[in-house]
Amino acid sequence: MTALVAKTIPEGAATSCYVAASPLVEGLSGQYFSDCNIAKPRADTDDPALAARLWELSETIAGSV
């Protein structure tokens, strides 16, 4: 399991702001970015069973069940 690393609010927002505003990534679609660079997502991000479990937990936490 990957250890959690805390980022400051500006550090956490940097990649989203970069992708939203930088002309260097204009026209790119479907890419995963980490720390303002195109990156390969973890293998478990494409696991349908984990996605279903996350959905179930989200519904429970949000109170929509």
PDB file of N, CA and C in Angstrom:
ATOM      1  N   MET A   1       0.845  -1.185   0.000  1.00  0.00           N
ATOM      2  CA  MET A   1       0.000   0.000   0.000  1.00  0.00           C
ATOM      3  C   MET A   1       0.883   1.239   0.000  1.00  0.00           C
ATOM      4  N   THR A   2       0.453   2.245  -0.732  1.00  0.00           N
ATOM      5  CA  THR A   2       1.188   3.493  -0.820  1.00  0.00           C
ATOM      6  C   THR A   2       0.949   4.328   0.429  1.00  0.00           C
ATOM      7  N   ALA A   3       2.010   4.894   0.973  1.00  0.00           N
ATOM      8  CA  ALA A   3       1.889   5.753   2.148  1.00  0.00           C
ATOM      9  C   ALA A   3       1.238   7.077   1.748  1.00  0.00           C
ATOM     10  N   LEU A   4       0.431   7.615   2.620  1.00  0.00           N
ATOM     11  CA  LEU A   4      -0.187   8.914   2.370  1.00  0.00           C
ATOM     12  C   LEU A   4       0.821  10.016   2.667  1.00  0.00           C
ATOM     13  N   VAL A   5       0.874  10.985   1.797  1.00  0.00           N
ATOM     14  CA  VAL A   5       1.771  12.112   1.981  1.00  0.00           C
ATOM     15  C   VAL A   5       0.916  13.371   1.957  1.00  0.00           C
ATOM     16  N   ALA A   6       1.009  14.143   3.003  1.00  0.00           N
ATOM     17  CA  ALA A   6       0.204  15.356   3.084  1.00  0.00           C
ATOM     18  C   ALA A   6       0.825  16.464   2.237  1.00  0.00           C
ATOM     19  N   LYS A   7      -0.034  17.162   1.512  1.00  0.00           N
ATOM     20  CA  LYS A   7       0.384  18.321   0.734  1.00  0.00           C
ATOM     21  C   LYS A   7      -0.324  19.541   1.291  1.00  0.00           C
ATOM     22  N   THR A   8       0.260  20.677   1.056  1.00  0.00           N
ATOM     23  CA  THR A   8      -0.415  21.915   1.419  1.00  0.00           C
ATOM     24  C   THR A   8      -1.565  22.129   0.424  1.00  0.00           C
ATOM     25  N   ILE A   9      -2.460  23.027   0.729  1.00  0.00           N
ATOM     26  CA  ILE A   9      -3.562  23.317  -0.183  1.00  0.00           C
ATOM     27  C   ILE A   9      -3.039  23.784  -1.545  1.00  0.00           C
ATOM     28  N   PRO A  10      -2.095  24.716  -1.606  1.00  0.00           N
ATOM     29  CA  PRO A  10      -1.576  25.105  -2.925  1.00  0.00           C
ATOM     30  C   PRO A  10      -0.908  23.940  -3.665  1.00  0.00           C
ATOM     31  N   GLU A  11      -0.182  23.095  -2.958  1.00  0.00           N
ATOM     32  CA  GLU A  11       0.438  21.929  -3.598  1.00  0.00           C
ATOM     33  C   GLU A  11      -0.619  20.976  -4.138  1.00  0.00           C
ATOM     34  N   GLY A  12      -1.672  20.773  -3.360  1.00  0.00           N
ATOM     35  CA  GLY A  12      -2.739  19.877  -3.786  1.00  0.00           C
ATOM     36  C   GLY A  12      -3.503  20.406  -4.983  1.00  0.00           C
ATOM     37  N   ALA A  13      -3.622  21.708  -5.089  1.00  0.00           N
ATOM     38  CA  ALA A  13      -4.379  22.325  -6.183  1.00  0.00           C
ATOM     39  C   ALA A  13      -3.536  22.567  -7.433  1.00  0.00           C
ATOM     40  N   ALA A  14      -2.225  22.495  -7.314  1.00  0.00           N
ATOM     41  CA  ALA A  14      -1.338  22.880  -8.414  1.00  0.00           C
ATOM     42  C   ALA A  14      -1.604  22.113  -9.705  1.00  0.00           C
ATOM     43  N   THR A  15      -1.744  20.800  -9.632  1.00  0.00           N
ATOM     44  CA  THR A  15      -1.924  20.022 -10.859  1.00  0.00           C
ATOM     45  C   THR A  15      -3.258  20.350 -11.514  1.00  0.00           C
ATOM     46  N   SER A  16      -4.329  20.451 -10.739  1.00  0.00           N
ATOM     47  CA  SER A  16      -5.635  20.796 -11.314  1.00  0.00           C
ATOM     48  C   SER A  16      -5.584  22.158 -11.997  1.00  0.00           C
ATOM     49  N   CYS A  17      -4.952  23.121 -11.355  1.00  0.00           N
ATOM     50  CA  CYS A  17      -4.832  24.461 -11.941  1.00  0.00           C
ATOM     51  C   CYS A  17      -3.976  24.422 -13.205  1.00  0.00           C
ATOM     52  N   TYR A  18      -2.894  23.672 -13.158  1.00  0.00           N
ATOM     53  CA  TYR A  18      -2.008  23.542 -14.322  1.00  0.00           C
ATOM     54  C   TYR A  18      -2.768  22.970 -15.513  1.00  0.00           C
ATOM     55  N   VAL A  19      -3.473  21.864 -15.293  1.00  0.00           N
ATOM     56  CA  VAL A  19      -4.195  21.216 -16.385  1.00  0.00           C
ATOM     57  C   VAL A  19      -5.311  22.121 -16.916  1.00  0.00           C
ATOM     58  N   ALA A  20      -5.942  22.878 -16.038  1.00  0.00           N
ATOM     59  CA  ALA A  20      -7.039  23.758 -16.457  1.00  0.00           C
ATOM     60  C   ALA A  20      -6.559  24.981 -17.235  1.00  0.00           C
ATOM     61  N   ALA A  21      -5.344  25.450 -16.942  1.00  0.00           N
ATOM     62  CA  ALA A  21      -4.939  26.741 -17.488  1.00  0.00           C
ATOM     63  C   ALA A  21      -3.728  26.732 -18.413  1.00  0.00           C
ATOM     64  N   SER A  22      -2.939  25.697 -18.399  1.00  0.00           N
ATOM     65  CA  SER A  22      -1.690  25.716 -19.169  1.00  0.00           C
ATOM     66  C   SER A  22      -1.924  25.443 -20.649  1.00  0.00           C
ATOM     67  N   PRO A  23      -1.382  26.298 -21.510  1.00  0.00           N
ATOM     68  CA  PRO A  23      -1.477  26.028 -22.941  1.00  0.00           C
ATOM     69  C   PRO A  23      -0.638  24.803 -23.349  1.00  0.00           C
ATOM     70  N   LEU A  24       0.268  24.378 -22.502  1.00  0.00           N
ATOM     71  CA  LEU A  24       1.116  23.223 -22.812  1.00  0.00           C
ATOM     72  C   LEU A  24       0.331  21.915 -22.854  1.00  0.00           C
ATOM     73  N   VAL A  25      -0.817  21.880 -22.210  1.00  0.00           N
ATOM     74  CA  VAL A  25      -1.620  20.649 -22.208  1.00  0.00           C
ATOM     75  C   VAL A  25      -2.925  20.810 -23.001  1.00  0.00           C
ATOM     76  N   GLU A  26      -3.054  21.920 -23.706  1.00  0.00           N
ATOM     77  CA  GLU A  26      -4.252  22.154 -24.500  1.00  0.00           C
ATOM     78  C   GLU A  26      -4.410  21.037 -25.535  1.00  0.00           C
ATOM     79  N   GLY A  27      -5.605  20.503 -25.611  1.00  0.00           N
ATOM     80  CA  GLY A  27      -5.886  19.446 -26.571  1.00  0.00           C
ATOM     81  C   GLY A  27      -5.631  18.044 -26.053  1.00  0.00           C
ATOM     82  N   LEU A  28      -4.969  17.914 -24.918  1.00  0.00           N
ATOM     83  CA  LEU A  28      -4.768  16.589 -24.333  1.00  0.00           C
ATOM     84  C   LEU A  28      -6.056  16.172 -23.637  1.00  0.00           C
ATOM     85  N   SER A  29      -6.450  14.950 -23.825  1.00  0.00           N
ATOM     86  CA  SER A  29      -7.659  14.455 -23.193  1.00  0.00           C
ATOM     87  C   SER A  29      -7.437  13.020 -22.745  1.00  0.00           C
ATOM     88  N   GLY A  30      -7.991  12.672 -21.605  1.00  0.00           N
ATOM     89  CA  GLY A  30      -7.906  11.307 -21.121  1.00  0.00           C
ATOM     90  C   GLY A  30      -6.589  10.953 -20.464  1.00  0.00           C
ATOM     91  N   GLN A  31      -5.769  11.930 -20.198  1.00  0.00           N
ATOM     92  CA  GLN A  31      -4.484  11.671 -19.553  1.00  0.00           C
ATOM     93  C   GLN A  31      -4.603  11.799 -18.040  1.00  0.00           C
ATOM     94  N   TYR A  32      -3.764  11.102 -17.324  1.00  0.00           N
ATOM     95  CA  TYR A  32      -3.682  11.203 -15.872  1.00  0.00           C
ATOM     96  C   TYR A  32      -2.474  12.069 -15.559  1.00  0.00           C
ATOM     97  N   PHE A  33      -2.660  13.033 -14.677  1.00  0.00           N
ATOM     98  CA  PHE A  33      -1.578  13.931 -14.296  1.00  0.00           C
ATOM     99  C   PHE A  33      -1.296  13.804 -12.808  1.00  0.00           C
ATOM    100  N   SER A  34      -0.035  13.897 -12.476  1.00  0.00           N
ATOM    101  CA  SER A  34       0.409  13.925 -11.085  1.00  0.00           C
ATOM    102  C   SER A  34       1.579  14.893 -11.004  1.00  0.00           C
ATOM    103  N   ASP A  35       1.522  15.783 -10.060  1.00  0.00           N
ATOM    104  CA  ASP A  35       2.575  16.795  -9.892  1.00  0.00           C
ATOM    105  C   ASP A  35       2.880  17.517 -11.200  1.00  0.00           C
ATOM    106  N   CYS A  36       1.834  17.915 -11.897  1.00  0.00           N
ATOM    107  CA  CYS A  36       1.901  18.707 -13.131  1.00  0.00           C
ATOM    108  C   CYS A  36       2.575  17.982 -14.296  1.00  0.00           C
ATOM    109  N   ASN A  37       2.594  16.669 -14.263  1.00  0.00           N
ATOM    110  CA  ASN A  37       3.171  15.877 -15.343  1.00  0.00           C
ATOM    111  C   ASN A  37       2.233  14.732 -15.685  1.00  0.00           C
ATOM    112  N   ILE A  38       2.270  14.295 -16.963  1.00  0.00           N
ATOM    113  CA  ILE A  38       1.528  13.101 -17.331  1.00  0.00           C
ATOM    114  C   ILE A  38       2.167  11.938 -16.581  1.00  0.00           C
ATOM    115  N   ALA A  39       1.323  11.106 -15.982  1.00  0.00           N
ATOM    116  CA  ALA A  39       1.828   9.996 -15.171  1.00  0.00           C
ATOM    117  C   ALA A  39       0.998   8.750 -15.454  1.00  0.00           C
ATOM    118  N   LYS A  40       1.544   7.627 -15.079  1.00  0.00           N
ATOM    119  CA  LYS A  40       0.823   6.358 -15.216  1.00  0.00           C
ATOM    120  C   LYS A  40       0.060   6.126 -13.913  1.00  0.00           C
ATOM    121  N   PRO A  41      -1.261   5.924 -13.993  1.00  0.00           N
ATOM    122  CA  PRO A  41      -2.021   5.662 -12.764  1.00  0.00           C
ATOM    123  C   PRO A  41      -1.697   4.274 -12.207  1.00  0.00           C
ATOM    124  N   ARG A  42      -1.949   4.093 -10.935  1.00  0.00           N
ATOM    125  CA  ARG A  42      -1.748   2.786 -10.305  1.00  0.00           C
ATOM    126  C   ARG A  42      -2.633   1.758 -10.988  1.00  0.00           C
ATOM    127  N   ALA A  43      -2.185   0.517 -11.014  1.00  0.00           N
ATOM    128  CA  ALA A  43      -2.906  -0.563 -11.686  1.00  0.00           C
ATOM    129  C   ALA A  43      -4.301  -0.768 -11.098  1.00  0.00           C
ATOM    130  N   ASP A  44      -4.461  -0.575  -9.793  1.00  0.00           N
ATOM    131  CA  ASP A  44      -5.767  -0.832  -9.171  1.00  0.00           C
ATOM    132  C   ASP A  44      -6.815   0.229  -9.490  1.00  0.00           C
ATOM    133  N   THR A  45      -6.444   1.284 -10.191  1.00  0.00           N
ATOM    134  CA  THR A  45      -7.434   2.293 -10.564  1.00  0.00           C
ATOM    135  C   THR A  45      -8.378   1.801 -11.659  1.00  0.00           C
ATOM    136  N   ASP A  46      -8.048   0.673 -12.274  1.00  0.00           N
ATOM    137  CA  ASP A  46      -8.875   0.113 -13.334  1.00  0.00           C
ATOM    138  C   ASP A  46      -9.571  -1.180 -12.883  1.00  0.00           C
ATOM    139  N   ASP A  47      -9.770  -1.312 -11.567  1.00  0.00           N
ATOM    140  CA  ASP A  47     -10.366  -2.524 -10.995  1.00  0.00           C
ATOM    141  C   ASP A  47     -11.868  -2.307 -10.785  1.00  0.00           C
ATOM    142  N   PRO A  48     -12.728  -2.992 -11.564  1.00  0.00           N
ATOM    143  CA  PRO A  48     -14.173  -2.789 -11.441  1.00  0.00           C
ATOM    144  C   PRO A  48     -14.719  -3.122 -10.054  1.00  0.00           C
ATOM    145  N   ALA A  49     -14.158  -4.118  -9.382  1.00  0.00           N
ATOM    146  CA  ALA A  49     -14.639  -4.475  -8.045  1.00  0.00           C
ATOM    147  C   ALA A  49     -14.345  -3.350  -7.053  1.00  0.00           C
ATOM    148  N   LEU A  50     -13.159  -2.760  -7.146  1.00  0.00           N
ATOM    149  CA  LEU A  50     -12.836  -1.631  -6.264  1.00  0.00           C
ATOM    150  C   LEU A  50     -13.716  -0.429  -6.579  1.00  0.00           C
ATOM    151  N   ALA A  51     -13.991  -0.188  -7.859  1.00  0.00           N
ATOM    152  CA  ALA A  51     -14.855   0.929  -8.248  1.00  0.00           C
ATOM    153  C   ALA A  51     -16.258   0.747  -7.668  1.00  0.00           C
ATOM    154  N   ALA A  52     -16.782  -0.476  -7.736  1.00  0.00           N
ATOM    155  CA  ALA A  52     -18.113  -0.754  -7.188  1.00  0.00           C
ATOM    156  C   ALA A  52     -18.127  -0.554  -5.682  1.00  0.00           C
ATOM    157  N   ARG A  53     -17.083  -1.000  -5.007  1.00  0.00           N
ATOM    158  CA  ARG A  53     -17.005  -0.841  -3.548  1.00  0.00           C
ATOM    159  C   ARG A  53     -16.928   0.641  -3.169  1.00  0.00           C
ATOM    160  N   LEU A  54     -16.139   1.406  -3.906  1.00  0.00           N
ATOM    161  CA  LEU A  54     -16.045   2.848  -3.650  1.00  0.00           C
ATOM    162  C   LEU A  54     -17.400   3.510  -3.829  1.00  0.00           C
ATOM    163  N   TRP A  55     -18.129   3.108  -4.866  1.00  0.00           N
ATOM    164  CA  TRP A  55     -19.463   3.670  -5.108  1.00  0.00           C
ATOM    165  C   TRP A  55     -20.382   3.368  -3.929  1.00  0.00           C
ATOM    166  N   GLU A  56     -20.375   2.116  -3.479  1.00  0.00           N
ATOM    167  CA  GLU A  56     -21.218   1.711  -2.347  1.00  0.00           C
ATOM    168  C   GLU A  56     -20.875   2.513  -1.093  1.00  0.00           C
ATOM    169  N   LEU A  57     -19.597   2.641  -0.805  1.00  0.00           N
ATOM    170  CA  LEU A  57     -19.185   3.404   0.373  1.00  0.00           C
ATOM    171  C   LEU A  57     -19.577   4.867   0.244  1.00  0.00           C
ATOM    172  N   SER A  58     -19.433   5.415  -0.950  1.00  0.00           N
ATOM    173  CA  SER A  58     -19.806   6.816  -1.171  1.00  0.00           C
ATOM    174  C   SER A  58     -21.297   7.042  -0.935  1.00  0.00           C
ATOM    175  N   GLU A  59     -22.123   6.092  -1.412  1.00  0.00           N
ATOM    176  CA  GLU A  59     -23.557   6.209  -1.184  1.00  0.00           C
ATOM    177  C   GLU A  59     -23.875   6.151   0.305  1.00  0.00           C
ATOM    178  N   THR A  60     -23.203   5.267   1.019  1.00  0.00           N
ATOM    179  CA  THR A  60     -23.442   5.133   2.458  1.00  0.00           C
ATOM    180  C   THR A  60     -23.041   6.424   3.182  1.00  0.00           C
ATOM    181  N   ILE A  61     -21.867   6.932   2.855  1.00  0.00           N
ATOM    182  CA  ILE A  61     -21.384   8.158   3.512  1.00  0.00           C
ATOM    183  C   ILE A  61     -22.289   9.343   3.181  1.00  0.00           C
ATOM    184  N   ALA A  62     -22.755   9.413   1.940  1.00  0.00           N
ATOM    185  CA  ALA A  62     -23.608  10.532   1.519  1.00  0.00           C
ATOM    186  C   ALA A  62     -25.053  10.383   2.012  1.00  0.00           C
ATOM    187  N   GLY A  63     -25.387   9.191   2.505  1.00  0.00           N
ATOM    188  CA  GLY A  63     -26.721   8.973   3.024  1.00  0.00           C
ATOM    189  C   GLY A  63     -27.758   8.750   1.951  1.00  0.00           C
ATOM    190  N   SER A  64     -27.351   8.341   0.745  1.00  0.00           N
ATOM    191  CA  SER A  64     -28.325   8.132  -0.315  1.00  0.00           C
ATOM    192  C   SER A  64     -28.839   6.713  -0.388  1.00  0.00           C
ATOM    193  N   VAL A  65     -28.455   5.866   0.538  1.00  0.00           N
ATOM    194  CA  VAL A  65     -28.936   4.473   0.505  1.00  0.00           C
ATOM    195  C   VAL A  65     -30.177   4.376   1.358  1.00  0.00           C
TER     196      VAL A  65
END
